[in-house]
């Protein structure tokens, strides 16, 4: 078998926001949001020890209304997040919330 075609649904709105480490400029935490015709995806990188993960609590809220305001009061738990000299798990959990709100604002600003 040979793969001849791969298709991905295009999001209606999308944005990626990252918080850079000041010394190395790599993303301490990065958040990508995508509003697709049938759902919303929120992907987080740099915060978890297992690589990229989805923030399902944010996705559920954003499905109802794609606005940063619906995310008020929702947080990602710090348990299981990376904690090192660059930032504690609690700090990374806080950054995920902040960056998700910024990414939704950026996606909405694009059209």
PDB file of N, CA and C in Angstrom:
ATOM      1  N   UNK A   1       0.828  -1.180   0.000  1.00  0.00           N
ATOM      2  CA  UNK A   1       0.000   0.000   0.000  1.00  0.00           C
ATOM      3  C   UNK A   1       0.870   1.240   0.000  1.00  0.00           C
ATOM      4  N   UNK A   2       0.428   2.225  -0.737  1.00  0.00           N
ATOM      5  CA  UNK A   2       1.124   3.498  -0.795  1.00  0.00           C
ATOM      6  C   UNK A   2       0.125   4.597  -0.452  1.00  0.00           C
ATOM      7  N   UNK A   3       0.498   5.448   0.455  1.00  0.00           N
ATOM      8  CA  UNK A   3      -0.353   6.580   0.805  1.00  0.00           C
ATOM      9  C   UNK A   3      -0.200   7.636  -0.290  1.00  0.00           C
ATOM     10  N   UNK A   4      -1.310   8.009  -0.865  1.00  0.00           N
ATOM     11  CA  UNK A   4      -1.266   8.985  -1.958  1.00  0.00           C
ATOM     12  C   UNK A   4      -1.844  10.332  -1.571  1.00  0.00           C
ATOM     13  N   UNK A   5      -2.534  10.368  -0.429  1.00  0.00           N
ATOM     14  CA  UNK A   5      -3.173  11.630  -0.053  1.00  0.00           C
ATOM     15  C   UNK A   5      -3.450  11.638   1.445  1.00  0.00           C
ATOM     16  N   UNK A   6      -3.229  12.777   2.075  1.00  0.00           N
ATOM     17  CA  UNK A   6      -3.556  12.985   3.472  1.00  0.00           C
ATOM     18  C   UNK A   6      -4.335  14.291   3.550  1.00  0.00           C
ATOM     19  N   UNK A   7      -5.454  14.268   4.263  1.00  0.00           N
ATOM     20  CA  UNK A   7      -6.276  15.471   4.375  1.00  0.00           C
ATOM     21  C   UNK A   7      -6.468  15.834   5.845  1.00  0.00           C
ATOM     22  N   UNK A   8      -6.385  17.126   6.127  1.00  0.00           N
ATOM     23  CA  UNK A   8      -6.630  17.644   7.458  1.00  0.00           C
ATOM     24  C   UNK A   8      -7.701  18.730   7.356  1.00  0.00           C
ATOM     25  N   UNK A   9      -8.646  18.751   8.282  1.00  0.00           N
ATOM     26  CA  UNK A   9      -9.649  19.819   8.236  1.00  0.00           C
ATOM     27  C   UNK A   9      -9.005  21.160   8.593  1.00  0.00           C
ATOM     28  N   UNK A  10      -9.340  22.191   7.836  1.00  0.00           N
ATOM     29  CA  UNK A  10      -8.817  23.522   8.118  1.00  0.00           C
ATOM     30  C   UNK A  10      -9.641  24.175   9.222  1.00  0.00           C
ATOM     31  N   UNK A  11      -8.972  24.721  10.224  1.00  0.00           N
ATOM     32  CA  UNK A  11      -9.728  25.414  11.270  1.00  0.00           C
ATOM     33  C   UNK A  11     -10.284  26.740  10.758  1.00  0.00           C
ATOM     34  N   UNK A  12     -11.438  27.127  11.303  1.00  0.00           N
ATOM     35  CA  UNK A  12     -12.014  28.434  10.967  1.00  0.00           C
ATOM     36  C   UNK A  12     -11.182  29.554  11.593  1.00  0.00           C
ATOM     37  N   UNK A  13     -10.696  29.278  12.797  1.00  0.00           N
ATOM     38  CA  UNK A  13      -9.845  30.226  13.523  1.00  0.00           C
ATOM     39  C   UNK A  13      -8.775  29.428  14.247  1.00  0.00           C
ATOM     40  N   UNK A  14      -7.566  29.990  14.340  1.00  0.00           N
ATOM     41  CA  UNK A  14      -6.487  29.300  15.044  1.00  0.00           C
ATOM     42  C   UNK A  14      -5.403  30.286  15.436  1.00  0.00           C
ATOM     43  N   UNK A  15      -4.668  29.944  16.512  1.00  0.00           N
ATOM     44  CA  UNK A  15      -3.535  30.774  16.941  1.00  0.00           C
ATOM     45  C   UNK A  15      -2.641  29.943  17.858  1.00  0.00           C
ATOM     46  N   UNK A  16      -1.362  30.286  17.852  1.00  0.00           N
ATOM     47  CA  UNK A  16      -0.370  29.659  18.730  1.00  0.00           C
ATOM     48  C   UNK A  16       0.344  30.770  19.490  1.00  0.00           C
ATOM     49  N   UNK A  17       0.410  30.627  20.798  1.00  0.00           N
ATOM     50  CA  UNK A  17       1.092  31.587  21.666  1.00  0.00           C
ATOM     51  C   UNK A  17       2.063  30.800  22.543  1.00  0.00           C
ATOM     52  N   UNK A  18       3.291  31.320  22.676  1.00  0.00           N
ATOM     53  CA  UNK A  18       4.244  30.642  23.557  1.00  0.00           C
ATOM     54  C   UNK A  18       4.889  31.644  24.510  1.00  0.00           C
ATOM     55  N   UNK A  19       5.303  31.101  25.658  1.00  0.00           N
ATOM     56  CA  UNK A  19       6.036  31.870  26.652  1.00  0.00           C
ATOM     57  C   UNK A  19       7.471  31.401  26.581  1.00  0.00           C
ATOM     58  N   UNK A  20       8.338  32.281  26.120  1.00  0.00           N
ATOM     59  CA  UNK A  20       9.740  31.904  25.887  1.00  0.00           C
ATOM     60  C   UNK A  20      10.574  31.971  27.160  1.00  0.00           C
ATOM     61  N   UNK A  21      11.467  30.994  27.291  1.00  0.00           N
ATOM     62  CA  UNK A  21      12.495  31.041  28.319  1.00  0.00           C
ATOM     63  C   UNK A  21      13.430  32.186  27.946  1.00  0.00           C
ATOM     64  N   UNK A  22      13.730  33.053  28.877  1.00  0.00           N
ATOM     65  CA  UNK A  22      14.533  34.244  28.572  1.00  0.00           C
ATOM     66  C   UNK A  22      15.955  33.923  28.123  1.00  0.00           C
ATOM     67  N   UNK A  23      16.527  32.852  28.634  1.00  0.00           N
ATOM     68  CA  UNK A  23      17.919  32.526  28.289  1.00  0.00           C
ATOM     69  C   UNK A  23      18.022  31.807  26.940  1.00  0.00           C
ATOM     70  N   UNK A  24      17.213  30.801  26.741  1.00  0.00           N
ATOM     71  CA  UNK A  24      17.360  29.979  25.542  1.00  0.00           C
ATOM     72  C   UNK A  24      16.339  30.294  24.451  1.00  0.00           C
ATOM     73  N   UNK A  25      15.276  30.997  24.797  1.00  0.00           N
ATOM     74  CA  UNK A  25      14.201  31.374  23.863  1.00  0.00           C
ATOM     75  C   UNK A  25      13.304  30.204  23.466  1.00  0.00           C
ATOM     76  N   UNK A  26      13.517  29.004  24.018  1.00  0.00           N
ATOM     77  CA  UNK A  26      12.601  27.901  23.714  1.00  0.00           C
ATOM     78  C   UNK A  26      11.290  28.147  24.463  1.00  0.00           C
ATOM     79  N   UNK A  27      10.231  27.470  24.046  1.00  0.00           N
ATOM     80  CA  UNK A  27       8.923  27.667  24.679  1.00  0.00           C
ATOM     81  C   UNK A  27       8.864  26.939  26.018  1.00  0.00           C
ATOM     82  N   UNK A  28       8.779  27.705  27.094  1.00  0.00           N
ATOM     83  CA  UNK A  28       8.564  27.125  28.413  1.00  0.00           C
ATOM     84  C   UNK A  28       7.188  26.458  28.433  1.00  0.00           C
ATOM     85  N   UNK A  29       6.205  27.152  27.865  1.00  0.00           N
ATOM     86  CA  UNK A  29       4.856  26.636  27.645  1.00  0.00           C
ATOM     87  C   UNK A  29       4.353  27.233  26.343  1.00  0.00           C
ATOM     88  N   UNK A  30       3.691  26.431  25.533  1.00  0.00           N
ATOM     89  CA  UNK A  30       3.059  26.912  24.313  1.00  0.00           C
ATOM     90  C   UNK A  30       1.645  26.372  24.233  1.00  0.00           C
ATOM     91  N   UNK A  31       0.720  27.188  23.698  1.00  0.00           N
ATOM     92  CA  UNK A  31      -0.675  26.777  23.570  1.00  0.00           C
ATOM     93  C   UNK A  31      -1.157  27.062  22.154  1.00  0.00           C
ATOM     94  N   UNK A  32      -1.759  26.060  21.538  1.00  0.00           N
ATOM     95  CA  UNK A  32      -2.372  26.204  20.218  1.00  0.00           C
ATOM     96  C   UNK A  32      -3.869  25.985  20.374  1.00  0.00           C
ATOM     97  N   UNK A  33      -4.666  26.919  19.852  1.00  0.00           N
ATOM     98  CA  UNK A  33      -6.120  26.755  19.845  1.00  0.00           C
ATOM     99  C   UNK A  33      -6.604  26.732  18.401  1.00  0.00           C
ATOM    100  N   UNK A  34      -7.596  25.896  18.148  1.00  0.00           N
ATOM    101  CA  UNK A  34      -8.179  25.801  16.809  1.00  0.00           C
ATOM    102  C   UNK A  34      -9.682  25.618  16.923  1.00  0.00           C
ATOM    103  N   UNK A  35     -10.415  26.491  16.263  1.00  0.00           N
ATOM    104  CA  UNK A  35     -11.872  26.348  16.166  1.00  0.00           C
ATOM    105  C   UNK A  35     -12.148  25.745  14.805  1.00  0.00           C
ATOM    106  N   UNK A  36     -12.606  24.499  14.832  1.00  0.00           N
ATOM    107  CA  UNK A  36     -12.916  23.795  13.600  1.00  0.00           C
ATOM    108  C   UNK A  36     -14.429  23.775  13.420  1.00  0.00           C
ATOM    109  N   UNK A  37     -14.915  23.394  12.249  1.00  0.00           N
ATOM    110  CA  UNK A  37     -16.373  23.399  12.039  1.00  0.00           C
ATOM    111  C   UNK A  37     -17.152  22.583  13.074  1.00  0.00           C
ATOM    112  N   UNK A  38     -16.591  21.458  13.507  1.00  0.00           N
ATOM    113  CA  UNK A  38     -17.341  20.592  14.411  1.00  0.00           C
ATOM    114  C   UNK A  38     -16.860  20.590  15.856  1.00  0.00           C
ATOM    115  N   UNK A  39     -15.688  21.162  16.139  1.00  0.00           N
ATOM    116  CA  UNK A  39     -15.179  21.140  17.508  1.00  0.00           C
ATOM    117  C   UNK A  39     -14.094  22.183  17.729  1.00  0.00           C
ATOM    118  N   UNK A  40     -13.569  22.186  18.938  1.00  0.00           N
ATOM    119  CA  UNK A  40     -12.484  23.094  19.324  1.00  0.00           C
ATOM    120  C   UNK A  40     -11.369  22.242  19.912  1.00  0.00           C
ATOM    121  N   UNK A  41     -10.134  22.592  19.575  1.00  0.00           N
ATOM    122  CA  UNK A  41      -8.975  21.888  20.125  1.00  0.00           C
ATOM    123  C   UNK A  41      -8.065  22.877  20.829  1.00  0.00           C
ATOM    124  N   UNK A  42      -7.548  22.463  21.978  1.00  0.00           N
ATOM    125  CA  UNK A  42      -6.562  23.242  22.725  1.00  0.00           C
ATOM    126  C   UNK A  42      -5.407  22.288  23.034  1.00  0.00           C
ATOM    127  N   UNK A  43      -4.252  22.553  22.441  1.00  0.00           N
ATOM    128  CA  UNK A  43      -3.074  21.712  22.640  1.00  0.00           C
ATOM    129  C   UNK A  43      -2.015  22.488  23.408  1.00  0.00           C
ATOM    130  N   UNK A  44      -1.371  21.811  24.349  1.00  0.00           N
ATOM    131  CA  UNK A  44      -0.366  22.438  25.213  1.00  0.00           C
ATOM    132  C   UNK A  44       0.955  21.711  25.036  1.00  0.00           C
ATOM    133  N   UNK A  45       2.035  22.471  24.890  1.00  0.00           N
ATOM    134  CA  UNK A  45       3.364  21.882  24.780  1.00  0.00           C
ATOM    135  C   UNK A  45       4.301  22.533  25.794  1.00  0.00           C
ATOM    136  N   UNK A  46       5.328  21.800  26.180  1.00  0.00           N
ATOM    137  CA  UNK A  46       6.345  22.329  27.087  1.00  0.00           C
ATOM    138  C   UNK A  46       5.998  22.226  28.558  1.00  0.00           C
ATOM    139  N   UNK A  47       4.770  21.884  28.895  1.00  0.00           N
ATOM    140  CA  UNK A  47       4.364  21.874  30.297  1.00  0.00           C
ATOM    141  C   UNK A  47       4.326  20.480  30.899  1.00  0.00           C
ATOM    142  N   UNK A  48       4.012  19.481  30.092  1.00  0.00           N
ATOM    143  CA  UNK A  48       3.865  18.127  30.604  1.00  0.00           C
ATOM    144  C   UNK A  48       5.070  17.257  30.318  1.00  0.00           C
ATOM    145  N   UNK A  49       5.287  16.278  31.164  1.00  0.00           N
ATOM    146  CA  UNK A  49       6.430  15.393  30.988  1.00  0.00           C
ATOM    147  C   UNK A  49       6.232  14.406  29.838  1.00  0.00           C
ATOM    148  N   UNK A  50       5.003  14.237  29.382  1.00  0.00           N
ATOM    149  CA  UNK A  50       4.713  13.303  28.293  1.00  0.00           C
ATOM    150  C   UNK A  50       4.575  14.004  26.945  1.00  0.00           C
ATOM    151  N   UNK A  51       5.040  15.233  26.831  1.00  0.00           N
ATOM    152  CA  UNK A  51       4.960  15.952  25.560  1.00  0.00           C
ATOM    153  C   UNK A  51       3.677  16.758  25.439  1.00  0.00           C
ATOM    154  N   UNK A  52       3.145  16.806  24.236  1.00  0.00           N
ATOM    155  CA  UNK A  52       1.944  17.599  23.969  1.00  0.00           C
ATOM    156  C   UNK A  52       0.715  16.916  24.552  1.00  0.00           C
ATOM    157  N   UNK A  53      -0.175  17.715  25.133  1.00  0.00           N
ATOM    158  CA  UNK A  53      -1.446  17.175  25.620  1.00  0.00           C
ATOM    159  C   UNK A  53      -2.565  18.169  25.339  1.00  0.00           C
ATOM    160  N   UNK A  54      -3.784  17.675  25.350  1.00  0.00           N
ATOM    161  CA  UNK A  54      -4.944  18.528  25.115  1.00  0.00           C
ATOM    162  C   UNK A  54      -5.544  18.978  26.435  1.00  0.00           C
ATOM    163  N   UNK A  55      -5.978  20.238  26.484  1.00  0.00           N
ATOM    164  CA  UNK A  55      -6.632  20.802  27.659  1.00  0.00           C
ATOM    165  C   UNK A  55      -8.147  20.689  27.453  1.00  0.00           C
ATOM    166  N   UNK A  56      -8.695  19.555  27.828  1.00  0.00           N
ATOM    167  CA  UNK A  56     -10.093  19.252  27.524  1.00  0.00           C
ATOM    168  C   UNK A  56     -11.088  20.147  28.262  1.00  0.00           C
ATOM    169  N   UNK A  57     -10.756  20.603  29.460  1.00  0.00           N
ATOM    170  CA  UNK A  57     -11.662  21.507  30.179  1.00  0.00           C
ATOM    171  C   UNK A  57     -11.833  22.811  29.404  1.00  0.00           C
ATOM    172  N   UNK A  58     -10.735  23.318  28.835  1.00  0.00           N
ATOM    173  CA  UNK A  58     -10.814  24.527  28.020  1.00  0.00           C
ATOM    174  C   UNK A  58     -11.587  24.253  26.729  1.00  0.00           C
ATOM    175  N   UNK A  59     -11.360  23.081  26.132  1.00  0.00           N
ATOM    176  CA  UNK A  59     -12.065  22.732  24.894  1.00  0.00           C
ATOM    177  C   UNK A  59     -13.576  22.715  25.103  1.00  0.00           C
ATOM    178  N   UNK A  60     -14.021  22.097  26.183  1.00  0.00           N
ATOM    179  CA  UNK A  60     -15.455  22.015  26.461  1.00  0.00           C
ATOM    180  C   UNK A  60     -16.076  23.393  26.627  1.00  0.00           C
ATOM    181  N   UNK A  61     -15.393  24.274  27.346  1.00  0.00           N
ATOM    182  CA  UNK A  61     -15.918  25.632  27.539  1.00  0.00           C
ATOM    183  C   UNK A  61     -15.954  26.406  26.227  1.00  0.00           C
ATOM    184  N   UNK A  62     -14.908  26.273  25.421  1.00  0.00           N
ATOM    185  CA  UNK A  62     -14.821  27.013  24.162  1.00  0.00           C
ATOM    186  C   UNK A  62     -15.792  26.494  23.101  1.00  0.00           C
ATOM    187  N   UNK A  63     -16.258  25.253  23.232  1.00  0.00           N
ATOM    188  CA  UNK A  63     -17.262  24.721  22.305  1.00  0.00           C
ATOM    189  C   UNK A  63     -18.570  25.489  22.450  1.00  0.00           C
ATOM    190  N   UNK A  64     -18.866  25.933  23.674  1.00  0.00           N
ATOM    191  CA  UNK A  64     -20.106  26.667  23.932  1.00  0.00           C
ATOM    192  C   UNK A  64     -20.034  28.079  23.351  1.00  0.00           C
ATOM    193  N   UNK A  65     -18.875  28.705  23.500  1.00  0.00           N
ATOM    194  CA  UNK A  65     -18.660  30.057  22.965  1.00  0.00           C
ATOM    195  C   UNK A  65     -17.159  30.272  22.832  1.00  0.00           C
ATOM    196  N   UNK A  66     -16.706  30.589  21.631  1.00  0.00           N
ATOM    197  CA  UNK A  66     -15.271  30.744  21.377  1.00  0.00           C
ATOM    198  C   UNK A  66     -14.840  32.159  21.776  1.00  0.00           C
ATOM    199  N   UNK A  67     -14.713  32.352  23.089  1.00  0.00           N
ATOM    200  CA  UNK A  67     -14.316  33.639  23.657  1.00  0.00           C
ATOM    201  C   UNK A  67     -13.464  33.393  24.891  1.00  0.00           C
ATOM    202  N   UNK A  68     -12.448  34.239  25.084  1.00  0.00           N
ATOM    203  CA  UNK A  68     -11.586  34.072  26.255  1.00  0.00           C
ATOM    204  C   UNK A  68     -12.363  34.221  27.559  1.00  0.00           C
ATOM    205  N   UNK A  69     -13.502  34.901  27.521  1.00  0.00           N
ATOM    206  CA  UNK A  69     -14.282  35.151  28.738  1.00  0.00           C
ATOM    207  C   UNK A  69     -14.874  33.870  29.323  1.00  0.00           C
ATOM    208  N   UNK A  70     -15.155  32.869  28.487  1.00  0.00           N
ATOM    209  CA  UNK A  70     -15.731  31.619  28.998  1.00  0.00           C
ATOM    210  C   UNK A  70     -14.705  30.800  29.783  1.00  0.00           C
ATOM    211  N   UNK A  71     -13.440  31.167  29.706  1.00  0.00           N
ATOM    212  CA  UNK A  71     -12.384  30.427  30.393  1.00  0.00           C
ATOM    213  C   UNK A  71     -12.160  30.903  31.825  1.00  0.00           C
ATOM    214  N   UNK A  72     -12.830  31.988  32.211  1.00  0.00           N
ATOM    215  CA  UNK A  72     -12.677  32.494  33.580  1.00  0.00           C
ATOM    216  C   UNK A  72     -13.078  31.410  34.585  1.00  0.00           C
ATOM    217  N   UNK A  73     -12.231  31.186  35.553  1.00  0.00           N
ATOM    218  CA  UNK A  73     -12.499  30.203  36.594  1.00  0.00           C
ATOM    219  C   UNK A  73     -12.088  28.782  36.248  1.00  0.00           C
ATOM    220  N   UNK A  74     -11.622  28.555  35.018  1.00  0.00           N
ATOM    221  CA  UNK A  74     -11.174  27.220  34.620  1.00  0.00           C
ATOM    222  C   UNK A  74      -9.651  27.183  34.690  1.00  0.00           C
ATOM    223  N   UNK A  75      -9.112  26.105  35.251  1.00  0.00           N
ATOM    224  CA  UNK A  75      -7.658  25.987  35.378  1.00  0.00           C
ATOM    225  C   UNK A  75      -7.223  24.562  35.098  1.00  0.00           C
ATOM    226  N   UNK A  76      -5.981  24.423  34.696  1.00  0.00           N
ATOM    227  CA  UNK A  76      -5.363  23.113  34.519  1.00  0.00           C
ATOM    228  C   UNK A  76      -4.688  22.754  35.836  1.00  0.00           C
ATOM    229  N   UNK A  77      -4.912  21.550  36.361  1.00  0.00           N
ATOM    230  CA  UNK A  77      -4.233  21.183  37.606  1.00  0.00           C
ATOM    231  C   UNK A  77      -2.721  21.061  37.410  1.00  0.00           C
ATOM    232  N   UNK A  78      -1.980  21.411  38.435  1.00  0.00           N
ATOM    233  CA  UNK A  78      -0.513  21.374  38.373  1.00  0.00           C
ATOM    234  C   UNK A  78       0.046  19.960  38.461  1.00  0.00           C
ATOM    235  N   UNK A  79      -0.735  19.016  38.961  1.00  0.00           N
ATOM    236  CA  UNK A  79      -0.261  17.639  39.101  1.00  0.00           C
ATOM    237  C   UNK A  79       0.126  17.077  37.737  1.00  0.00           C
ATOM    238  N   UNK A  80       1.320  16.507  37.652  1.00  0.00           N
ATOM    239  CA  UNK A  80       1.786  15.886  36.423  1.00  0.00           C
ATOM    240  C   UNK A  80       2.500  16.830  35.464  1.00  0.00           C
ATOM    241  N   UNK A  81       2.537  18.113  35.776  1.00  0.00           N
ATOM    242  CA  UNK A  81       3.242  19.071  34.920  1.00  0.00           C
ATOM    243  C   UNK A  81       4.719  19.118  35.296  1.00  0.00           C
ATOM    244  N   UNK A  82       5.547  19.550  34.358  1.00  0.00           N
ATOM    245  CA  UNK A  82       6.982  19.699  34.612  1.00  0.00           C
ATOM    246  C   UNK A  82       7.212  20.722  35.715  1.00  0.00           C
ATOM    247  N   UNK A  83       8.244  20.491  36.483  1.00  0.00           N
ATOM    248  CA  UNK A  83       8.672  21.429  37.515  1.00  0.00           C
ATOM    249  C   UNK A  83      10.198  21.383  37.551  1.00  0.00           C
ATOM    250  N   UNK A  84      10.819  22.531  37.259  1.00  0.00           N
ATOM    251  CA  UNK A  84      12.275  22.581  37.239  1.00  0.00           C
ATOM    252  C   UNK A  84      12.731  23.989  37.591  1.00  0.00           C
ATOM    253  N   UNK A  85      14.008  24.273  37.378  1.00  0.00           N
ATOM    254  CA  UNK A  85      14.538  25.588  37.748  1.00  0.00           C
ATOM    255  C   UNK A  85      13.949  26.720  36.900  1.00  0.00           C
ATOM    256  N   UNK A  86      13.351  26.390  35.760  1.00  0.00           N
ATOM    257  CA  UNK A  86      12.753  27.419  34.900  1.00  0.00           C
ATOM    258  C   UNK A  86      11.334  27.776  35.317  1.00  0.00           C
ATOM    259  N   UNK A  87      10.659  26.864  35.997  1.00  0.00           N
ATOM    260  CA  UNK A  87       9.298  27.145  36.440  1.00  0.00           C
ATOM    261  C   UNK A  87       8.689  25.954  37.139  1.00  0.00           C
ATOM    262  N   UNK A  88       7.958  26.234  38.196  1.00  0.00           N
ATOM    263  CA  UNK A  88       7.295  25.164  38.942  1.00  0.00           C
ATOM    264  C   UNK A  88       6.077  24.660  38.165  1.00  0.00           C
ATOM    265  N   UNK A  89       5.543  23.544  38.600  1.00  0.00           N
ATOM    266  CA  UNK A  89       4.332  23.004  37.974  1.00  0.00           C
ATOM    267  C   UNK A  89       3.172  23.977  38.132  1.00  0.00           C
ATOM    268  N   UNK A  90       3.101  24.632  39.264  1.00  0.00           N
ATOM    269  CA  UNK A  90       2.031  25.610  39.503  1.00  0.00           C
ATOM    270  C   UNK A  90       2.158  26.799  38.552  1.00  0.00           C
ATOM    271  N   UNK A  91       3.381  27.246  38.329  1.00  0.00           N
ATOM    272  CA  UNK A  91       3.628  28.361  37.407  1.00  0.00           C
ATOM    273  C   UNK A  91       3.231  27.970  35.990  1.00  0.00           C
ATOM    274  N   UNK A  92       3.607  26.768  35.585  1.00  0.00           N
ATOM    275  CA  UNK A  92       3.246  26.293  34.244  1.00  0.00           C
ATOM    276  C   UNK A  92       1.727  26.171  34.100  1.00  0.00           C
ATOM    277  N   UNK A  93       1.054  25.690  35.139  1.00  0.00           N
ATOM    278  CA  UNK A  93      -0.417  25.589  35.101  1.00  0.00           C
ATOM    279  C   UNK A  93      -1.028  26.975  34.924  1.00  0.00           C
ATOM    280  N   UNK A  94      -0.487  27.952  35.628  1.00  0.00           N
ATOM    281  CA  UNK A  94      -0.965  29.335  35.481  1.00  0.00           C
ATOM    282  C   UNK A  94      -0.725  29.837  34.060  1.00  0.00           C
ATOM    283  N   UNK A  95       0.461  29.579  33.517  1.00  0.00           N
ATOM    284  CA  UNK A  95       0.785  30.016  32.152  1.00  0.00           C
ATOM    285  C   UNK A  95      -0.160  29.402  31.120  1.00  0.00           C
ATOM    286  N   UNK A  96      -0.543  28.153  31.308  1.00  0.00           N
ATOM    287  CA  UNK A  96      -1.464  27.509  30.371  1.00  0.00           C
ATOM    288  C   UNK A  96      -2.767  28.294  30.293  1.00  0.00           C
ATOM    289  N   UNK A  97      -3.293  28.694  31.428  1.00  0.00           N
ATOM    290  CA  UNK A  97      -4.527  29.479  31.442  1.00  0.00           C
ATOM    291  C   UNK A  97      -4.367  30.827  30.764  1.00  0.00           C
ATOM    292  N   UNK A  98      -3.293  31.528  31.093  1.00  0.00           N
ATOM    293  CA  UNK A  98      -3.034  32.845  30.510  1.00  0.00           C
ATOM    294  C   UNK A  98      -2.833  32.744  29.000  1.00  0.00           C
ATOM    295  N   UNK A  99      -2.005  31.802  28.571  1.00  0.00           N
ATOM    296  CA  UNK A  99      -1.697  31.667  27.147  1.00  0.00           C
ATOM    297  C   UNK A  99      -2.902  31.183  26.343  1.00  0.00           C
ATOM    298  N   UNK A 100      -3.747  30.353  26.938  1.00  0.00           N
ATOM    299  CA  UNK A 100      -4.958  29.913  26.241  1.00  0.00           C
ATOM    300  C   UNK A 100      -5.874  31.102  25.993  1.00  0.00           C
ATOM    301  N   UNK A 101      -6.040  31.948  26.981  1.00  0.00           N
ATOM    302  CA  UNK A 101      -6.868  33.149  26.808  1.00  0.00           C
ATOM    303  C   UNK A 101      -6.287  34.051  25.716  1.00  0.00           C
ATOM    304  N   UNK A 102      -4.983  34.241  25.725  1.00  0.00           N
ATOM    305  CA  UNK A 102      -4.332  35.075  24.703  1.00  0.00           C
ATOM    306  C   UNK A 102      -4.464  34.469  23.314  1.00  0.00           C
ATOM    307  N   UNK A 103      -4.350  33.147  23.223  1.00  0.00           N
ATOM    308  CA  UNK A 103      -4.464  32.483  21.924  1.00  0.00           C
ATOM    309  C   UNK A 103      -5.883  32.614  21.373  1.00  0.00           C
ATOM    310  N   UNK A 104      -6.887  32.504  22.221  1.00  0.00           N
ATOM    311  CA  UNK A 104      -8.270  32.681  21.764  1.00  0.00           C
ATOM    312  C   UNK A 104      -8.490  34.113  21.304  1.00  0.00           C
ATOM    313  N   UNK A 105      -7.966  35.076  22.049  1.00  0.00           N
ATOM    314  CA  UNK A 105      -8.078  36.483  21.625  1.00  0.00           C
ATOM    315  C   UNK A 105      -7.395  36.702  20.282  1.00  0.00           C
ATOM    316  N   UNK A 106      -6.219  36.113  20.100  1.00  0.00           N
ATOM    317  CA  UNK A 106      -5.479  36.262  18.839  1.00  0.00           C
ATOM    318  C   UNK A 106      -6.225  35.609  17.682  1.00  0.00           C
ATOM    319  N   UNK A 107      -6.799  34.434  17.920  1.00  0.00           N
ATOM    320  CA  UNK A 107      -7.557  33.739  16.873  1.00  0.00           C
ATOM    321  C   UNK A 107      -8.777  34.551  16.457  1.00  0.00           C
ATOM    322  N   UNK A 108      -9.455  35.128  17.436  1.00  0.00           N
ATOM    323  CA  UNK A 108     -10.644  35.942  17.137  1.00  0.00           C
ATOM    324  C   UNK A 108     -10.269  37.238  16.423  1.00  0.00           C
ATOM    325  N   UNK A 109      -9.104  37.769  16.717  1.00  0.00           N
ATOM    326  CA  UNK A 109      -8.660  39.015  16.097  1.00  0.00           C
ATOM    327  C   UNK A 109      -8.310  38.811  14.621  1.00  0.00           C
ATOM    328  N   UNK A 110      -7.926  37.584  14.269  1.00  0.00           N
ATOM    329  CA  UNK A 110      -7.558  37.297  12.878  1.00  0.00           C
ATOM    330  C   UNK A 110      -8.774  37.204  11.960  1.00  0.00           C
ATOM    331  N   UNK A 111      -9.915  37.055  12.530  1.00  0.00           N
ATOM    332  CA  UNK A 111     -11.090  37.002  11.666  1.00  0.00           C
ATOM    333  C   UNK A 111     -11.917  35.894  12.000  1.00  0.00           C
TER     334      UNK A 111
END
